[in-house]
Structures are given as C-alpha cells and as structure tokens.
N, C-alpha and C. Protein backbone atom coordinates (compact mmCIF):
# COMPACT_ATOMS: atom_id res chain seq x y z
N MET A 1 18.71 2.87 -45.16
CA MET A 1 17.83 1.94 -44.43
C MET A 1 18.22 1.84 -42.95
N ILE A 2 19.54 1.70 -42.73
CA ILE A 2 20.03 1.59 -41.36
C ILE A 2 19.82 2.89 -40.60
N LEU A 3 20.09 4.03 -41.30
CA LEU A 3 19.89 5.33 -40.66
C LEU A 3 18.43 5.57 -40.33
N ARG A 4 17.55 5.13 -41.24
CA ARG A 4 16.11 5.29 -41.00
C ARG A 4 15.66 4.47 -39.79
N LEU A 5 16.17 3.23 -39.71
CA LEU A 5 15.84 2.37 -38.58
C LEU A 5 16.36 2.97 -37.28
N PHE A 6 17.59 3.50 -37.32
CA PHE A 6 18.18 4.13 -36.14
C PHE A 6 17.35 5.33 -35.69
N ALA A 7 16.95 6.15 -36.66
CA ALA A 7 16.14 7.33 -36.33
C ALA A 7 14.80 6.93 -35.72
N TYR A 8 14.21 5.87 -36.26
CA TYR A 8 12.93 5.38 -35.72
C TYR A 8 13.10 4.90 -34.28
N CYS A 9 14.14 4.12 -34.03
CA CYS A 9 14.40 3.60 -32.68
C CYS A 9 14.70 4.72 -31.70
N LEU A 10 15.46 5.71 -32.17
CA LEU A 10 15.80 6.84 -31.30
C LEU A 10 14.55 7.65 -30.96
N THR A 11 13.71 7.87 -31.94
CA THR A 11 12.47 8.60 -31.70
C THR A 11 11.57 7.86 -30.72
N ALA A 12 11.46 6.55 -30.90
CA ALA A 12 10.64 5.74 -29.99
C ALA A 12 11.20 5.78 -28.58
N PHE A 13 12.53 5.69 -28.47
CA PHE A 13 13.17 5.71 -27.15
C PHE A 13 12.95 7.05 -26.46
N LEU A 14 13.14 8.15 -27.19
CA LEU A 14 12.96 9.47 -26.60
C LEU A 14 11.50 9.72 -26.20
N THR A 15 10.57 9.22 -27.02
CA THR A 15 9.15 9.38 -26.70
C THR A 15 8.79 8.62 -25.43
N LEU A 16 9.26 7.38 -25.34
CA LEU A 16 8.98 6.58 -24.14
C LEU A 16 9.63 7.19 -22.91
N THR A 17 10.84 7.73 -23.08
CA THR A 17 11.53 8.36 -21.95
C THR A 17 10.76 9.59 -21.48
N LEU A 18 10.25 10.38 -22.42
CA LEU A 18 9.46 11.56 -22.06
C LEU A 18 8.18 11.16 -21.34
N LEU A 19 7.50 10.14 -21.84
CA LEU A 19 6.27 9.67 -21.19
C LEU A 19 6.56 9.14 -19.79
N TRP A 20 7.67 8.42 -19.65
CA TRP A 20 8.07 7.90 -18.34
C TRP A 20 8.34 9.04 -17.37
N ALA A 21 9.07 10.08 -17.84
CA ALA A 21 9.40 11.22 -16.97
C ALA A 21 8.14 11.99 -16.57
N LEU A 22 7.23 12.18 -17.52
CA LEU A 22 5.96 12.86 -17.20
C LEU A 22 5.15 12.05 -16.20
N GLY A 23 5.19 10.73 -16.36
CA GLY A 23 4.50 9.86 -15.42
C GLY A 23 5.07 9.98 -14.02
N TRP A 24 6.38 10.10 -13.92
CA TRP A 24 7.02 10.27 -12.60
C TRP A 24 6.58 11.57 -11.95
N MET A 25 6.52 12.65 -12.74
CA MET A 25 6.07 13.93 -12.19
C MET A 25 4.62 13.84 -11.72
N TRP A 26 3.78 13.17 -12.51
CA TRP A 26 2.38 13.00 -12.12
C TRP A 26 2.28 12.17 -10.84
N PHE A 27 3.08 11.12 -10.76
CA PHE A 27 3.07 10.26 -9.57
C PHE A 27 3.48 11.06 -8.33
N ALA A 28 4.54 11.85 -8.44
CA ALA A 28 5.01 12.65 -7.31
C ALA A 28 3.93 13.65 -6.87
N ALA A 29 3.26 14.27 -7.85
CA ALA A 29 2.20 15.23 -7.52
C ALA A 29 1.03 14.54 -6.84
N SER A 30 0.69 13.33 -7.29
CA SER A 30 -0.43 12.60 -6.69
C SER A 30 -0.10 12.16 -5.27
N VAL A 31 1.17 11.84 -5.01
CA VAL A 31 1.59 11.46 -3.66
C VAL A 31 1.39 12.64 -2.70
N VAL A 32 1.79 13.83 -3.15
CA VAL A 32 1.68 15.03 -2.31
C VAL A 32 0.22 15.37 -2.02
N SER A 33 -0.64 15.21 -3.02
CA SER A 33 -2.04 15.64 -2.89
C SER A 33 -2.97 14.55 -2.35
N MET A 34 -2.45 13.36 -2.14
CA MET A 34 -3.30 12.23 -1.74
C MET A 34 -3.93 12.44 -0.37
N LYS A 35 -5.23 12.16 -0.27
CA LYS A 35 -5.98 12.31 0.98
C LYS A 35 -6.76 11.03 1.28
N PRO A 36 -7.09 10.77 2.55
CA PRO A 36 -7.92 9.60 2.89
C PRO A 36 -9.29 9.69 2.22
N GLN A 37 -9.80 8.54 1.81
CA GLN A 37 -11.10 8.47 1.16
C GLN A 37 -12.23 8.28 2.18
N GLU A 38 -13.29 9.04 2.02
CA GLU A 38 -14.51 8.88 2.80
C GLU A 38 -14.22 8.63 4.29
N GLU A 39 -13.59 9.59 4.92
CA GLU A 39 -13.11 9.42 6.30
C GLU A 39 -14.22 9.10 7.29
N ALA A 40 -15.43 9.54 7.02
CA ALA A 40 -16.53 9.30 7.96
C ALA A 40 -17.14 7.91 7.82
N ARG A 41 -16.82 7.22 6.76
CA ARG A 41 -17.45 5.93 6.49
C ARG A 41 -16.85 4.81 7.33
N LYS A 42 -17.70 3.97 7.89
CA LYS A 42 -17.25 2.80 8.64
C LYS A 42 -17.13 1.61 7.70
N VAL A 43 -16.07 0.83 7.87
CA VAL A 43 -15.85 -0.37 7.06
C VAL A 43 -15.77 -1.58 7.98
N ASP A 44 -15.68 -2.77 7.37
CA ASP A 44 -15.60 -3.98 8.18
C ASP A 44 -14.27 -4.10 8.92
N ALA A 45 -13.19 -3.68 8.27
CA ALA A 45 -11.87 -3.84 8.89
C ALA A 45 -10.89 -2.79 8.39
N ILE A 46 -9.93 -2.49 9.23
CA ILE A 46 -8.80 -1.64 8.87
C ILE A 46 -7.61 -2.56 8.64
N VAL A 47 -6.91 -2.37 7.53
CA VAL A 47 -5.72 -3.17 7.23
C VAL A 47 -4.53 -2.24 7.16
N VAL A 48 -3.55 -2.48 8.01
CA VAL A 48 -2.34 -1.65 8.06
C VAL A 48 -1.16 -2.47 7.55
N LEU A 49 -0.38 -1.87 6.65
CA LEU A 49 0.84 -2.50 6.16
C LEU A 49 2.02 -1.89 6.89
N THR A 50 2.80 -2.71 7.57
CA THR A 50 3.94 -2.20 8.33
C THR A 50 5.05 -1.76 7.38
N GLY A 51 5.98 -0.98 7.91
CA GLY A 51 7.13 -0.59 7.11
C GLY A 51 7.40 0.91 7.10
N GLY A 52 6.50 1.70 7.65
CA GLY A 52 6.71 3.15 7.67
C GLY A 52 6.18 3.75 8.96
N ASP A 53 6.73 4.90 9.33
CA ASP A 53 6.30 5.51 10.58
C ASP A 53 4.87 6.03 10.46
N LYS A 54 4.17 6.04 11.57
CA LYS A 54 2.81 6.55 11.73
C LYS A 54 1.72 5.61 11.20
N ARG A 55 2.09 4.56 10.48
CA ARG A 55 1.06 3.68 9.92
C ARG A 55 0.26 2.97 11.01
N VAL A 56 0.96 2.32 11.95
CA VAL A 56 0.28 1.55 12.98
C VAL A 56 -0.55 2.46 13.88
N ASN A 57 0.01 3.57 14.31
CA ASN A 57 -0.74 4.49 15.17
C ASN A 57 -1.97 5.06 14.46
N THR A 58 -1.85 5.28 13.16
CA THR A 58 -3.01 5.75 12.40
C THR A 58 -4.11 4.69 12.40
N GLY A 59 -3.71 3.43 12.20
CA GLY A 59 -4.69 2.33 12.26
C GLY A 59 -5.35 2.23 13.62
N LEU A 60 -4.57 2.40 14.67
CA LEU A 60 -5.11 2.34 16.03
C LEU A 60 -6.07 3.51 16.29
N ASP A 61 -5.72 4.69 15.79
CA ASP A 61 -6.61 5.85 15.93
C ASP A 61 -7.95 5.59 15.25
N LEU A 62 -7.91 5.01 14.05
CA LEU A 62 -9.13 4.72 13.31
C LEU A 62 -9.97 3.67 14.03
N LEU A 63 -9.31 2.67 14.59
CA LEU A 63 -10.01 1.63 15.34
C LEU A 63 -10.67 2.21 16.58
N ALA A 64 -9.94 3.04 17.30
CA ALA A 64 -10.49 3.68 18.51
C ALA A 64 -11.65 4.61 18.18
N ALA A 65 -11.63 5.18 16.97
CA ALA A 65 -12.71 6.07 16.54
C ALA A 65 -13.89 5.29 15.97
N GLU A 66 -13.82 3.96 16.07
CA GLU A 66 -14.89 3.07 15.63
C GLU A 66 -15.17 3.17 14.13
N LYS A 67 -14.09 3.33 13.34
CA LYS A 67 -14.23 3.33 11.89
C LYS A 67 -14.26 1.91 11.34
N ALA A 68 -14.05 0.92 12.22
CA ALA A 68 -14.15 -0.49 11.88
C ALA A 68 -14.16 -1.28 13.18
N ASP A 69 -14.58 -2.54 13.10
CA ASP A 69 -14.61 -3.39 14.29
C ASP A 69 -13.38 -4.28 14.40
N HIS A 70 -12.55 -4.30 13.36
CA HIS A 70 -11.37 -5.16 13.35
C HIS A 70 -10.18 -4.39 12.78
N LEU A 71 -8.99 -4.72 13.27
CA LEU A 71 -7.75 -4.17 12.75
C LEU A 71 -6.79 -5.32 12.46
N PHE A 72 -6.38 -5.43 11.20
CA PHE A 72 -5.40 -6.44 10.81
C PHE A 72 -4.12 -5.72 10.41
N ILE A 73 -3.00 -6.11 11.04
CA ILE A 73 -1.70 -5.49 10.76
C ILE A 73 -0.83 -6.54 10.08
N SER A 74 -0.49 -6.29 8.83
CA SER A 74 0.25 -7.27 8.02
C SER A 74 1.74 -6.97 8.00
N GLY A 75 2.53 -8.05 8.01
CA GLY A 75 3.98 -7.91 7.89
C GLY A 75 4.69 -7.60 9.20
N VAL A 76 4.16 -8.14 10.29
CA VAL A 76 4.73 -7.88 11.62
C VAL A 76 5.87 -8.85 11.91
N ASN A 77 6.89 -8.37 12.58
CA ASN A 77 7.99 -9.24 13.01
C ASN A 77 7.45 -10.34 13.92
N ALA A 78 7.94 -11.56 13.72
CA ALA A 78 7.41 -12.72 14.44
C ALA A 78 7.53 -12.61 15.96
N LYS A 79 8.44 -11.77 16.44
CA LYS A 79 8.65 -11.65 17.89
C LYS A 79 7.76 -10.58 18.54
N VAL A 80 7.06 -9.82 17.72
CA VAL A 80 6.28 -8.69 18.23
C VAL A 80 4.87 -9.12 18.62
N LYS A 81 4.42 -8.66 19.77
CA LYS A 81 3.08 -8.94 20.27
C LYS A 81 2.22 -7.67 20.18
N PRO A 82 0.89 -7.82 20.17
CA PRO A 82 0.02 -6.64 20.09
C PRO A 82 0.31 -5.59 21.15
N GLN A 83 0.63 -6.02 22.37
CA GLN A 83 0.90 -5.08 23.45
C GLN A 83 2.12 -4.20 23.13
N GLU A 84 3.09 -4.75 22.41
CA GLU A 84 4.27 -3.97 22.04
C GLU A 84 3.94 -2.94 20.98
N LEU A 85 3.06 -3.29 20.04
CA LEU A 85 2.69 -2.36 18.98
C LEU A 85 1.89 -1.17 19.53
N THR A 86 1.16 -1.40 20.60
CA THR A 86 0.33 -0.34 21.17
C THR A 86 1.04 0.43 22.30
N ALA A 87 2.25 0.01 22.63
CA ALA A 87 2.93 0.58 23.80
C ALA A 87 3.11 2.09 23.70
N LEU A 88 3.44 2.60 22.53
CA LEU A 88 3.70 4.03 22.36
C LEU A 88 2.47 4.78 21.86
N TRP A 89 1.37 4.08 21.71
CA TRP A 89 0.13 4.73 21.29
C TRP A 89 -0.58 5.30 22.51
N PRO A 90 -1.01 6.56 22.48
CA PRO A 90 -1.54 7.21 23.69
C PRO A 90 -2.99 6.88 24.03
N GLY A 91 -3.68 6.12 23.19
CA GLY A 91 -5.10 5.86 23.42
C GLY A 91 -5.35 4.76 24.43
N ASP A 92 -6.63 4.38 24.56
CA ASP A 92 -7.05 3.35 25.51
C ASP A 92 -6.75 1.96 24.93
N LYS A 93 -5.71 1.35 25.43
CA LYS A 93 -5.25 0.07 24.89
C LYS A 93 -6.24 -1.06 25.17
N ASP A 94 -6.92 -1.01 26.30
CA ASP A 94 -7.87 -2.07 26.64
C ASP A 94 -9.03 -2.14 25.65
N VAL A 95 -9.34 -1.01 25.03
CA VAL A 95 -10.44 -0.97 24.06
C VAL A 95 -10.03 -1.60 22.73
N VAL A 96 -8.81 -1.34 22.28
CA VAL A 96 -8.41 -1.77 20.94
C VAL A 96 -7.77 -3.17 20.90
N LEU A 97 -7.09 -3.58 21.96
CA LEU A 97 -6.35 -4.84 21.91
C LEU A 97 -7.19 -6.06 21.52
N PRO A 98 -8.41 -6.22 22.02
CA PRO A 98 -9.21 -7.39 21.64
C PRO A 98 -9.61 -7.41 20.16
N LYS A 99 -9.46 -6.29 19.48
CA LYS A 99 -9.90 -6.19 18.09
C LYS A 99 -8.74 -6.28 17.09
N ILE A 100 -7.53 -6.53 17.59
CA ILE A 100 -6.34 -6.52 16.74
C ILE A 100 -5.90 -7.95 16.39
N THR A 101 -5.59 -8.15 15.11
CA THR A 101 -4.98 -9.40 14.65
C THR A 101 -3.69 -9.05 13.92
N LEU A 102 -2.62 -9.78 14.23
CA LEU A 102 -1.33 -9.54 13.59
C LEU A 102 -1.03 -10.62 12.55
N GLY A 103 -0.47 -10.20 11.43
CA GLY A 103 -0.03 -11.12 10.40
C GLY A 103 1.49 -11.18 10.38
N TYR A 104 2.02 -12.36 10.52
CA TYR A 104 3.48 -12.51 10.66
C TYR A 104 4.16 -13.06 9.40
N VAL A 105 3.41 -13.29 8.34
CA VAL A 105 3.95 -14.00 7.18
C VAL A 105 4.57 -13.06 6.15
N ALA A 106 3.91 -11.97 5.85
CA ALA A 106 4.33 -11.10 4.73
C ALA A 106 5.70 -10.48 4.94
N GLY A 107 6.46 -10.46 3.84
CA GLY A 107 7.77 -9.83 3.88
C GLY A 107 7.91 -8.73 2.84
N ASP A 108 6.89 -8.53 2.01
CA ASP A 108 6.89 -7.47 1.00
C ASP A 108 5.44 -7.12 0.66
N THR A 109 5.26 -6.23 -0.30
CA THR A 109 3.91 -5.75 -0.60
C THR A 109 3.03 -6.84 -1.19
N ALA A 110 3.60 -7.66 -2.07
CA ALA A 110 2.83 -8.78 -2.62
C ALA A 110 2.43 -9.74 -1.50
N GLY A 111 3.35 -9.96 -0.57
CA GLY A 111 3.05 -10.81 0.58
C GLY A 111 1.96 -10.21 1.46
N ASN A 112 1.95 -8.88 1.59
CA ASN A 112 0.88 -8.21 2.34
C ASN A 112 -0.48 -8.52 1.73
N ALA A 113 -0.56 -8.45 0.40
CA ALA A 113 -1.83 -8.69 -0.29
C ALA A 113 -2.29 -10.13 -0.08
N VAL A 114 -1.38 -11.07 -0.19
CA VAL A 114 -1.73 -12.49 -0.03
C VAL A 114 -2.12 -12.79 1.41
N GLU A 115 -1.32 -12.31 2.36
CA GLU A 115 -1.60 -12.54 3.77
C GLU A 115 -2.93 -11.92 4.19
N SER A 116 -3.16 -10.70 3.75
CA SER A 116 -4.41 -10.01 4.07
C SER A 116 -5.60 -10.70 3.42
N GLN A 117 -5.42 -11.15 2.19
CA GLN A 117 -6.49 -11.85 1.48
C GLN A 117 -6.95 -13.08 2.27
N ASP A 118 -6.02 -13.83 2.80
CA ASP A 118 -6.36 -15.02 3.57
C ASP A 118 -7.19 -14.65 4.80
N TRP A 119 -6.77 -13.63 5.53
CA TRP A 119 -7.50 -13.20 6.74
C TRP A 119 -8.87 -12.62 6.38
N ILE A 120 -8.92 -11.85 5.32
CA ILE A 120 -10.17 -11.22 4.89
C ILE A 120 -11.20 -12.28 4.50
N ARG A 121 -10.78 -13.30 3.78
CA ARG A 121 -11.70 -14.36 3.37
C ARG A 121 -12.19 -15.17 4.56
N LYS A 122 -11.30 -15.47 5.47
CA LYS A 122 -11.67 -16.27 6.64
C LYS A 122 -12.66 -15.53 7.54
N ASN A 123 -12.59 -14.21 7.53
CA ASN A 123 -13.45 -13.41 8.41
C ASN A 123 -14.62 -12.76 7.69
N ASP A 124 -14.82 -13.15 6.43
CA ASP A 124 -15.96 -12.66 5.65
C ASP A 124 -16.01 -11.13 5.62
N ILE A 125 -14.86 -10.53 5.36
CA ILE A 125 -14.75 -9.08 5.30
C ILE A 125 -15.14 -8.60 3.89
N LYS A 126 -16.00 -7.61 3.83
CA LYS A 126 -16.47 -7.10 2.54
C LYS A 126 -15.89 -5.71 2.20
N SER A 127 -15.41 -5.01 3.20
CA SER A 127 -14.87 -3.67 2.96
C SER A 127 -13.72 -3.41 3.93
N ILE A 128 -12.69 -2.71 3.44
CA ILE A 128 -11.55 -2.39 4.31
C ILE A 128 -11.12 -0.94 4.08
N ARG A 129 -10.40 -0.43 5.07
CA ARG A 129 -9.69 0.84 4.93
C ARG A 129 -8.21 0.48 4.93
N LEU A 130 -7.53 0.71 3.82
CA LEU A 130 -6.14 0.32 3.65
C LEU A 130 -5.23 1.47 4.09
N VAL A 131 -4.39 1.18 5.08
CA VAL A 131 -3.50 2.20 5.65
C VAL A 131 -2.05 1.87 5.32
N THR A 132 -1.41 2.78 4.61
CA THR A 132 0.03 2.67 4.35
C THR A 132 0.54 4.07 4.00
N SER A 133 1.83 4.21 3.80
CA SER A 133 2.39 5.53 3.48
C SER A 133 1.88 6.02 2.13
N ASN A 134 1.80 7.33 1.96
CA ASN A 134 1.26 7.88 0.70
C ASN A 134 2.06 7.44 -0.52
N TYR A 135 3.37 7.36 -0.41
CA TYR A 135 4.19 6.96 -1.56
C TYR A 135 4.02 5.47 -1.89
N HIS A 136 3.53 4.69 -0.94
CA HIS A 136 3.39 3.25 -1.09
C HIS A 136 1.97 2.84 -1.48
N MET A 137 1.04 3.79 -1.46
CA MET A 137 -0.38 3.46 -1.63
C MET A 137 -0.72 2.96 -3.02
N ALA A 138 -0.17 3.56 -4.06
CA ALA A 138 -0.53 3.16 -5.43
C ALA A 138 -0.23 1.69 -5.68
N ARG A 139 0.98 1.27 -5.33
CA ARG A 139 1.37 -0.12 -5.55
C ARG A 139 0.56 -1.07 -4.66
N SER A 140 0.33 -0.67 -3.43
CA SER A 140 -0.44 -1.51 -2.50
C SER A 140 -1.86 -1.70 -3.01
N TYR A 141 -2.48 -0.60 -3.44
CA TYR A 141 -3.86 -0.69 -3.92
C TYR A 141 -3.94 -1.58 -5.16
N LEU A 142 -3.00 -1.44 -6.08
CA LEU A 142 -3.00 -2.28 -7.28
C LEU A 142 -2.99 -3.76 -6.91
N MET A 143 -2.14 -4.13 -5.96
CA MET A 143 -2.02 -5.53 -5.57
C MET A 143 -3.25 -6.03 -4.81
N PHE A 144 -3.77 -5.22 -3.92
CA PHE A 144 -4.96 -5.62 -3.16
C PHE A 144 -6.17 -5.75 -4.08
N HIS A 145 -6.32 -4.80 -4.99
CA HIS A 145 -7.47 -4.85 -5.90
C HIS A 145 -7.37 -6.04 -6.84
N ALA A 146 -6.16 -6.34 -7.30
CA ALA A 146 -5.98 -7.49 -8.18
C ALA A 146 -6.28 -8.80 -7.46
N ALA A 147 -5.89 -8.89 -6.20
CA ALA A 147 -6.11 -10.11 -5.42
C ALA A 147 -7.56 -10.26 -5.00
N MET A 148 -8.24 -9.12 -4.75
CA MET A 148 -9.62 -9.14 -4.23
C MET A 148 -10.46 -8.10 -4.96
N PRO A 149 -10.79 -8.34 -6.23
CA PRO A 149 -11.49 -7.33 -7.04
C PRO A 149 -12.88 -6.96 -6.52
N ASP A 150 -13.52 -7.84 -5.74
CA ASP A 150 -14.86 -7.55 -5.23
C ASP A 150 -14.84 -6.84 -3.87
N LEU A 151 -13.67 -6.68 -3.31
CA LEU A 151 -13.55 -6.04 -2.00
C LEU A 151 -13.62 -4.52 -2.14
N VAL A 152 -14.39 -3.87 -1.27
CA VAL A 152 -14.40 -2.41 -1.23
C VAL A 152 -13.15 -1.95 -0.48
N ILE A 153 -12.31 -1.16 -1.14
CA ILE A 153 -11.05 -0.72 -0.54
C ILE A 153 -11.03 0.81 -0.50
N LEU A 154 -11.07 1.36 0.70
CA LEU A 154 -10.91 2.80 0.88
C LEU A 154 -9.44 3.07 1.22
N ARG A 155 -8.83 3.95 0.48
CA ARG A 155 -7.41 4.24 0.70
C ARG A 155 -7.24 5.30 1.78
N HIS A 156 -6.35 5.01 2.72
CA HIS A 156 -6.08 5.95 3.81
C HIS A 156 -4.56 6.17 3.90
N PRO A 157 -4.04 7.05 3.04
CA PRO A 157 -2.59 7.28 3.02
C PRO A 157 -2.10 8.03 4.25
N VAL A 158 -0.90 7.71 4.65
CA VAL A 158 -0.25 8.37 5.78
C VAL A 158 1.00 9.08 5.25
N THR A 159 1.16 10.34 5.61
CA THR A 159 2.34 11.09 5.18
C THR A 159 3.41 11.02 6.26
N PRO A 160 4.55 10.39 5.97
CA PRO A 160 5.62 10.31 6.98
C PRO A 160 6.12 11.71 7.35
N ASP A 161 6.62 11.83 8.55
CA ASP A 161 7.17 13.11 9.00
C ASP A 161 8.35 13.51 8.09
N GLY A 162 8.35 14.76 7.69
CA GLY A 162 9.45 15.27 6.88
C GLY A 162 9.44 14.83 5.43
N PHE A 163 8.30 14.31 4.97
CA PHE A 163 8.24 13.82 3.59
C PHE A 163 7.56 14.86 2.70
N GLU A 164 8.35 15.88 2.32
CA GLU A 164 7.87 16.94 1.45
C GLU A 164 8.82 17.05 0.25
N PRO A 165 8.32 17.61 -0.88
CA PRO A 165 9.13 17.68 -2.10
C PRO A 165 10.46 18.39 -1.94
N TRP A 166 10.57 19.30 -0.97
CA TRP A 166 11.83 20.02 -0.79
C TRP A 166 12.81 19.27 0.12
N ARG A 167 12.39 18.12 0.64
CA ARG A 167 13.28 17.32 1.48
C ARG A 167 14.06 16.33 0.62
N GLU A 168 15.26 15.98 1.06
CA GLU A 168 16.18 15.15 0.27
C GLU A 168 15.62 13.77 -0.03
N GLN A 169 14.89 13.17 0.92
CA GLN A 169 14.44 11.80 0.74
C GLN A 169 13.26 11.67 -0.23
N PHE A 170 12.56 12.78 -0.50
CA PHE A 170 11.31 12.70 -1.27
C PHE A 170 11.53 12.15 -2.67
N TRP A 171 12.45 12.73 -3.42
CA TRP A 171 12.59 12.37 -4.83
C TRP A 171 13.17 10.98 -5.04
N PRO A 172 14.21 10.56 -4.32
CA PRO A 172 14.67 9.18 -4.50
C PRO A 172 13.60 8.14 -4.17
N LEU A 173 12.80 8.42 -3.13
CA LEU A 173 11.78 7.46 -2.72
C LEU A 173 10.63 7.42 -3.71
N THR A 174 10.19 8.59 -4.18
CA THR A 174 9.11 8.59 -5.18
C THR A 174 9.60 8.00 -6.50
N PHE A 175 10.85 8.21 -6.84
CA PHE A 175 11.43 7.61 -8.05
C PHE A 175 11.36 6.09 -7.96
N SER A 176 11.80 5.54 -6.82
CA SER A 176 11.78 4.10 -6.62
C SER A 176 10.37 3.55 -6.64
N GLU A 177 9.46 4.19 -5.92
CA GLU A 177 8.08 3.70 -5.83
C GLU A 177 7.33 3.84 -7.16
N TYR A 178 7.63 4.89 -7.90
CA TYR A 178 7.00 5.06 -9.21
C TYR A 178 7.35 3.91 -10.13
N ASN A 179 8.62 3.55 -10.17
CA ASN A 179 9.04 2.45 -11.03
C ASN A 179 8.47 1.11 -10.56
N LYS A 180 8.40 0.91 -9.25
CA LYS A 180 7.81 -0.32 -8.72
C LYS A 180 6.32 -0.38 -9.04
N ALA A 181 5.62 0.75 -8.89
CA ALA A 181 4.19 0.78 -9.20
C ALA A 181 3.95 0.57 -10.69
N LEU A 182 4.80 1.13 -11.51
CA LEU A 182 4.68 0.97 -12.96
C LEU A 182 4.88 -0.49 -13.35
N LEU A 183 5.89 -1.12 -12.80
CA LEU A 183 6.13 -2.53 -13.09
C LEU A 183 5.00 -3.41 -12.57
N THR A 184 4.46 -3.05 -11.40
CA THR A 184 3.32 -3.79 -10.85
C THR A 184 2.11 -3.68 -11.76
N TRP A 185 1.84 -2.47 -12.24
CA TRP A 185 0.72 -2.27 -13.17
C TRP A 185 0.90 -3.08 -14.45
N LEU A 186 2.11 -3.07 -14.99
CA LEU A 186 2.38 -3.84 -16.21
C LEU A 186 2.18 -5.33 -15.96
N ARG A 187 2.65 -5.79 -14.81
CA ARG A 187 2.54 -7.22 -14.49
C ARG A 187 1.10 -7.64 -14.25
N LEU A 188 0.35 -6.82 -13.54
CA LEU A 188 -1.02 -7.20 -13.17
C LEU A 188 -2.02 -6.96 -14.29
N ASP A 189 -1.92 -5.80 -14.95
CA ASP A 189 -2.92 -5.44 -15.95
C ASP A 189 -2.59 -5.99 -17.34
N LEU A 190 -1.34 -5.89 -17.73
CA LEU A 190 -1.00 -6.33 -19.08
C LEU A 190 -0.67 -7.82 -19.14
N LEU A 191 0.02 -8.32 -18.12
CA LEU A 191 0.39 -9.73 -18.11
C LEU A 191 -0.59 -10.58 -17.31
N ASN A 192 -1.52 -9.90 -16.63
CA ASN A 192 -2.58 -10.59 -15.88
C ASN A 192 -2.02 -11.55 -14.84
N LYS A 193 -1.00 -11.08 -14.12
CA LYS A 193 -0.39 -11.87 -13.06
C LYS A 193 -0.97 -11.43 -11.72
N ASN A 194 -1.75 -12.30 -11.07
CA ASN A 194 -2.43 -11.96 -9.82
C ASN A 194 -1.55 -12.31 -8.63
N PRO A 195 -1.50 -11.45 -7.59
CA PRO A 195 -0.72 -11.76 -6.39
C PRO A 195 -1.08 -13.11 -5.78
N GLU A 196 -2.34 -13.53 -5.97
CA GLU A 196 -2.77 -14.80 -5.40
C GLU A 196 -1.94 -15.95 -5.95
N LEU A 197 -1.46 -15.81 -7.20
CA LEU A 197 -0.67 -16.85 -7.81
C LEU A 197 0.70 -16.99 -7.15
N SER A 198 1.09 -15.93 -6.41
CA SER A 198 2.40 -15.94 -5.75
C SER A 198 2.29 -16.32 -4.28
N ALA A 199 1.16 -16.86 -3.87
CA ALA A 199 0.94 -17.15 -2.46
C ALA A 199 1.99 -18.08 -1.90
N GLU A 200 2.36 -19.10 -2.67
CA GLU A 200 3.35 -20.06 -2.18
C GLU A 200 4.70 -19.39 -2.01
N LYS A 201 5.05 -18.52 -2.97
CA LYS A 201 6.33 -17.82 -2.90
C LYS A 201 6.41 -16.91 -1.70
N HIS A 202 5.32 -16.19 -1.43
CA HIS A 202 5.34 -15.20 -0.36
C HIS A 202 4.83 -15.74 0.96
N GLY A 203 4.36 -16.96 0.98
CA GLY A 203 3.80 -17.51 2.21
C GLY A 203 4.80 -18.26 3.00
C-alpha cells in the first residue's frame, strides 16, 4: 500500500515536472518569436511600463508616429520629470511632451496595472498599446486584462539589446519570468484574484 502510494506520488511529481519544463520551453520560444500586434492601428493611448531598456524610447517613437494621442508611463521614479525621460530620445520633444503623463506610484507589475487602470478610467480610454520587454509581456498582459477586461490591449513587446537564446542572461531571466507568469495565471484565473483588489497594497 505504501509502495503503491509512493509510486503514484512519484509519477504525479514527474508528470508535473515534465509539463512545467515543456511550458518553460514554450514560454522561451514565444518570447523569441513575439512581435507587436497590429502596428498600423491607432489606439487611444500608449502605456509604457518602466524597468527595461528601450521601453520608453519605443513609446515615444509610437507617440511621435501618431499611433495614439496620449502616452502614460507607469512606475517612474518620483524625482524624474518628462523632460528627463525624453532627453536621450532623438525625436521632436516639443511635439510629444504635452501628450505625456507620468505615473509615480507603481513599484511592480501589479502596481503598474492598478496605477494604469486609475489613469485609463479617469481619461475614458478604451484601447491601449502596451509596451514592455518581450520577456515581461505575458505577465503584464495577464494583469492588465484581469484588471480591465473590457479594454482593448494591443501588445507591443520590446526586445532588449543582447537578449538572445545564446546569451547568458536569456535563460535565467526567462526562467524567472516564466515562473512569475505561471503563478500570476494561477492566482488570477484559478483563484480569481484581481489586481484591482491589491490597489491599497500597491498604491
């Protein structure tokens, strides 16, 4: 009886481990192949999540290309002003600066969703282009969609410089993000925990 129970538990553990490993490989492949959605489509606003290189400049490029009339940048350091964020961007700063709003509250991805949700509701935004790093997009999209299920969200992943499967940083980072995305999916879909419920914690 004990041996049978042990064999059953071992089989279940090995099966779950195999499924987890296959999921990680699928996640890594999806990160590499991820492309911006409907690049020609204009939306109400561009939302950029800080924390990785090229994200802010990508948002500014999209704004300058008139892919939206507003740019919201979430998770900005409290001491940073719009002029500082655009300082290294080569485009016409006078055109984009009046259209930029900075969010200073968020300190993590859940906080990004809550902070952005507040701005989106106040400005009657119906569609956004979400800009973040490709490895971070799955978890970000899960949280934004859970917080705002009626919002049209076009994903616009950014690939950091040097982020390829043969580079040393790729696998540790995708490993970490895969597990975070998996836990986020379990929390949001199976436990029905909405980021909005954490507004006080992250605000």
